Amino acid sequence: QVQFVEFGGGQAQPGGSLRLSCTASGLFLDYYAVVWFRQAPGKEREGVSCISSSDGSTEYADPVKGRFTISKDNAKHTVYLQMHSLKPADTAVYYCAADRVRRRCAGVVGIGSDYGYWGQGTQVTVSS
């Protein structure tokens, strides 16, 4: 069963940085837009950032614009999320998923998207 595996979470201080990775061997990222989601305790899951397979275009949720950067390496079947200027509000479990009906992002989370290949997530905790 193909699914993503997320890496790189951990503890960071406010203002710090972390780099998350998600890899899915056997999944060709050329075919799917990929989205990073996060879910904080007691809150709904939210989309953080999307990267298109077609042209590598990106979308970001307002709370992370200017601080997070999404990128990918198709040859390594890996999508990255570089996070800078971290805030306590960024504390969450971070997941990635592929949009099985789109190659191009339609906003961070597309209407009618079918997200699959979910991983177990990686915990990010930002505190002093």
C-alpha atoms as a PDB file:
ATOM      1  CA  GLN A   1       0.000   0.000   0.000  1.00  0.00           C
ATOM      2  CA  VAL A   2       1.432   3.319  -1.070  1.00  0.00           C
ATOM      3  CA  GLN A   3       1.431   6.017   1.556  1.00  0.00           C
ATOM      4  CA  PHE A   4       3.523   8.959   2.568  1.00  0.00           C
ATOM      5  CA  VAL A   5       5.964   8.846   5.452  1.00  0.00           C
ATOM      6  CA  GLU A   6       6.640  12.174   7.103  1.00  0.00           C
ATOM      7  CA  PHE A   7       9.940  13.136   8.750  1.00  0.00           C
ATOM      8  CA  GLY A   8      11.563  16.092  10.388  1.00  0.00           C
ATOM      9  CA  GLY A   9       9.202  17.123  13.140  1.00  0.00           C
ATOM     10  CA  GLY A  10      10.364  17.941  16.614  1.00  0.00           C
ATOM     11  CA  GLN A  11      10.689  20.699  19.128  1.00  0.00           C
ATOM     12  CA  ALA A  12      11.577  24.246  18.155  1.00  0.00           C
ATOM     13  CA  GLN A  13      11.682  27.576  19.915  1.00  0.00           C
ATOM     14  CA  PRO A  14       9.600  30.494  18.696  1.00  0.00           C
ATOM     15  CA  GLY A  15      11.439  32.077  15.809  1.00  0.00           C
ATOM     16  CA  GLY A  16      13.183  28.816  14.987  1.00  0.00           C
ATOM     17  CA  SER A  17      13.122  26.648  11.891  1.00  0.00           C
ATOM     18  CA  LEU A  18      12.337  23.084  10.941  1.00  0.00           C
ATOM     19  CA  ARG A  19      12.310  21.227   7.653  1.00  0.00           C
ATOM     20  CA  LEU A  20       9.725  18.533   7.112  1.00  0.00           C
ATOM     21  CA  SER A  21       9.886  15.852   4.440  1.00  0.00           C
ATOM     22  CA  CYS A  22       7.336  13.407   3.161  1.00  0.00           C
ATOM     23  CA  THR A  23       8.260  10.508   0.973  1.00  0.00           C
ATOM     24  CA  ALA A  24       6.158   7.897  -0.773  1.00  0.00           C
ATOM     25  CA  SER A  25       8.153   5.291  -2.603  1.00  0.00           C
ATOM     26  CA  GLY A  26       6.299   4.089  -5.636  1.00  0.00           C
ATOM     27  CA  LEU A  27       4.228   7.247  -5.910  1.00  0.00           C
ATOM     28  CA  PHE A  28       5.030   9.352  -8.931  1.00  0.00           C
ATOM     29  CA  LEU A  29       4.714  12.948  -7.854  1.00  0.00           C
ATOM     30  CA  ASP A  30       4.466  13.950 -11.524  1.00  0.00           C
ATOM     31  CA  TYR A  31       0.814  12.913 -11.406  1.00  0.00           C
ATOM     32  CA  TYR A  32      -0.476  14.607  -8.264  1.00  0.00           C
ATOM     33  CA  ALA A  33      -0.669  17.911  -6.539  1.00  0.00           C
ATOM     34  CA  VAL A  34       0.560  17.371  -2.975  1.00  0.00           C
ATOM     35  CA  VAL A  35      -0.690  19.207   0.076  1.00  0.00           C
ATOM     36  CA  TRP A  36       0.761  19.615   3.548  1.00  0.00           C
ATOM     37  CA  PHE A  37      -1.951  19.619   6.200  1.00  0.00           C
ATOM     38  CA  ARG A  38      -1.731  20.130   9.932  1.00  0.00           C
ATOM     39  CA  GLN A  39      -3.969  19.409  12.872  1.00  0.00           C
ATOM     40  CA  ALA A  40      -3.570  20.976  16.270  1.00  0.00           C
ATOM     41  CA  PRO A  41      -5.148  19.470  19.402  1.00  0.00           C
ATOM     42  CA  GLY A  42      -8.865  20.206  19.517  1.00  0.00           C
ATOM     43  CA  LYS A  43      -8.860  21.813  16.082  1.00  0.00           C
ATOM     44  CA  GLU A  44      -9.869  20.716  12.623  1.00  0.00           C
ATOM     45  CA  ARG A  45      -7.290  19.697  10.104  1.00  0.00           C
ATOM     46  CA  GLU A  46      -6.252  22.573   7.876  1.00  0.00           C
ATOM     47  CA  GLY A  47      -4.361  22.849   4.633  1.00  0.00           C
ATOM     48  CA  VAL A  48      -1.018  24.573   4.941  1.00  0.00           C
ATOM     49  CA  SER A  49       0.509  24.501   1.486  1.00  0.00           C
ATOM     50  CA  CYS A  50       0.091  22.886  -1.913  1.00  0.00           C
ATOM     51  CA  ILE A  51       2.521  22.203  -4.744  1.00  0.00           C
ATOM     52  CA  SER A  52       1.411  21.360  -8.263  1.00  0.00           C
ATOM     53  CA  SER A  53       2.860  18.487 -10.204  1.00  0.00           C
ATOM     54  CA  SER A  54       2.278  20.194 -13.537  1.00  0.00           C
ATOM     55  CA  ASP A  55       4.413  23.287 -13.119  1.00  0.00           C
ATOM     56  CA  GLY A  56       5.552  23.300  -9.511  1.00  0.00           C
ATOM     57  CA  SER A  57       3.337  26.252  -8.679  1.00  0.00           C
ATOM     58  CA  THR A  58       2.589  26.688  -4.998  1.00  0.00           C
ATOM     59  CA  GLU A  59      -0.140  27.929  -2.688  1.00  0.00           C
ATOM     60  CA  TYR A  60       0.045  28.872   0.970  1.00  0.00           C
ATOM     61  CA  ALA A  61      -2.470  29.408   3.729  1.00  0.00           C
ATOM     62  CA  ASP A  62      -2.440  32.975   5.044  1.00  0.00           C
ATOM     63  CA  PRO A  63      -1.013  32.089   8.496  1.00  0.00           C
ATOM     64  CA  VAL A  64       2.156  30.665   6.943  1.00  0.00           C
ATOM     65  CA  LYS A  65       2.748  32.937   3.953  1.00  0.00           C
ATOM     66  CA  GLY A  66       6.225  34.359   3.940  1.00  0.00           C
ATOM     67  CA  ARG A  67       7.416  31.865   6.549  1.00  0.00           C
ATOM     68  CA  PHE A  68       6.943  28.416   4.970  1.00  0.00           C
ATOM     69  CA  THR A  69       8.221  27.148   1.630  1.00  0.00           C
ATOM     70  CA  ILE A  70       7.044  23.979  -0.088  1.00  0.00           C
ATOM     71  CA  SER A  71       9.202  22.204  -2.647  1.00  0.00           C
ATOM     72  CA  LYS A  72       9.605  18.753  -4.142  1.00  0.00           C
ATOM     73  CA  ASP A  73      12.056  16.360  -5.688  1.00  0.00           C
ATOM     74  CA  ASN A  74      10.216  14.048  -8.059  1.00  0.00           C
ATOM     75  CA  ALA A  75      13.197  11.740  -8.446  1.00  0.00           C
ATOM     76  CA  LYS A  76      13.234  11.164  -4.692  1.00  0.00           C
ATOM     77  CA  HIS A  77       9.416  10.976  -4.445  1.00  0.00           C
ATOM     78  CA  THR A  78       9.713  13.601  -1.724  1.00  0.00           C
ATOM     79  CA  VAL A  79       7.959  16.839  -0.840  1.00  0.00           C
ATOM     80  CA  TYR A  80       9.499  19.278   1.634  1.00  0.00           C
ATOM     81  CA  LEU A  81       8.132  21.974   3.888  1.00  0.00           C
ATOM     82  CA  GLN A  82      10.724  24.449   5.100  1.00  0.00           C
ATOM     83  CA  MET A  83       9.387  26.349   8.081  1.00  0.00           C
ATOM     84  CA  HIS A  84      10.953  29.544   9.422  1.00  0.00           C
ATOM     85  CA  SER A  85       9.939  32.041  12.088  1.00  0.00           C
ATOM     86  CA  LEU A  86       7.967  29.371  13.852  1.00  0.00           C
ATOM     87  CA  LYS A  87       5.233  30.371  16.266  1.00  0.00           C
ATOM     88  CA  PRO A  88       3.487  28.460  19.053  1.00  0.00           C
ATOM     89  CA  ALA A  89       0.393  28.520  16.813  1.00  0.00           C
ATOM     90  CA  ASP A  90       2.286  26.278  14.370  1.00  0.00           C
ATOM     91  CA  THR A  91       2.248  23.461  16.908  1.00  0.00           C
ATOM     92  CA  ALA A  92       0.415  20.553  15.289  1.00  0.00           C
ATOM     93  CA  VAL A  93       0.793  17.166  13.679  1.00  0.00           C
ATOM     94  CA  TYR A  94       1.777  17.726  10.058  1.00  0.00           C
ATOM     95  CA  TYR A  95       0.671  15.375   7.287  1.00  0.00           C
ATOM     96  CA  CYS A  96       0.995  15.281   3.546  1.00  0.00           C
ATOM     97  CA  ALA A  97      -1.428  13.849   1.053  1.00  0.00           C
ATOM     98  CA  ALA A  98      -1.740  13.628  -2.708  1.00  0.00           C
ATOM     99  CA  ASP A  99      -4.701  15.069  -4.567  1.00  0.00           C
ATOM    100  CA  ARG A 100      -5.779  12.175  -6.739  1.00  0.00           C
ATOM    101  CA  VAL A 101      -7.927  14.283  -9.061  1.00  0.00           C
ATOM    102  CA  ARG A 102      -5.656  17.267  -9.674  1.00  0.00           C
ATOM    103  CA  ARG A 103      -2.160  17.878 -10.872  1.00  0.00           C
ATOM    104  CA  ARG A 104      -2.455  21.614 -10.320  1.00  0.00           C
ATOM    105  CA  CYS A 105      -3.318  23.217  -7.001  1.00  0.00           C
ATOM    106  CA  ALA A 106      -6.686  24.974  -6.843  1.00  0.00           C
ATOM    107  CA  GLY A 107      -5.977  27.000  -3.752  1.00  0.00           C
ATOM    108  CA  VAL A 108      -4.358  25.218  -0.825  1.00  0.00           C
ATOM    109  CA  VAL A 109      -7.281  22.815  -0.542  1.00  0.00           C
ATOM    110  CA  GLY A 110      -9.254  22.286  -3.722  1.00  0.00           C
ATOM    111  CA  ILE A 111     -13.009  21.850  -3.850  1.00  0.00           C
ATOM    112  CA  GLY A 112     -13.816  18.341  -4.947  1.00  0.00           C
ATOM    113  CA  SER A 113     -10.305  17.087  -4.293  1.00  0.00           C
ATOM    114  CA  ASP A 114      -9.703  13.480  -3.325  1.00  0.00           C
ATOM    115  CA  TYR A 115      -6.798  13.331  -0.921  1.00  0.00           C
ATOM    116  CA  GLY A 116      -5.069  10.024  -0.423  1.00  0.00           C
ATOM    117  CA  TYR A 117      -1.892   8.243   0.560  1.00  0.00           C
ATOM    118  CA  TRP A 118      -1.960   9.831   4.005  1.00  0.00           C
ATOM    119  CA  GLY A 119       0.966   9.207   6.298  1.00  0.00           C
ATOM    120  CA  GLN A 120       1.040   8.973  10.080  1.00  0.00           C
ATOM    121  CA  GLY A 121       2.161  12.554  10.439  1.00  0.00           C
ATOM    122  CA  THR A 122       5.031  14.196  12.255  1.00  0.00           C
ATOM    123  CA  GLN A 123       4.650  16.263  15.408  1.00  0.00           C
ATOM    124  CA  VAL A 124       5.871  19.852  15.437  1.00  0.00           C
ATOM    125  CA  THR A 125       5.968  21.590  18.816  1.00  0.00           C
ATOM    126  CA  VAL A 126       6.936  25.235  19.108  1.00  0.00           C
ATOM    127  CA  SER A 127       7.510  26.457  22.626  1.00  0.00           C
ATOM    128  CA  SER A 128      10.061  28.213  24.746  1.00  0.00           C
END
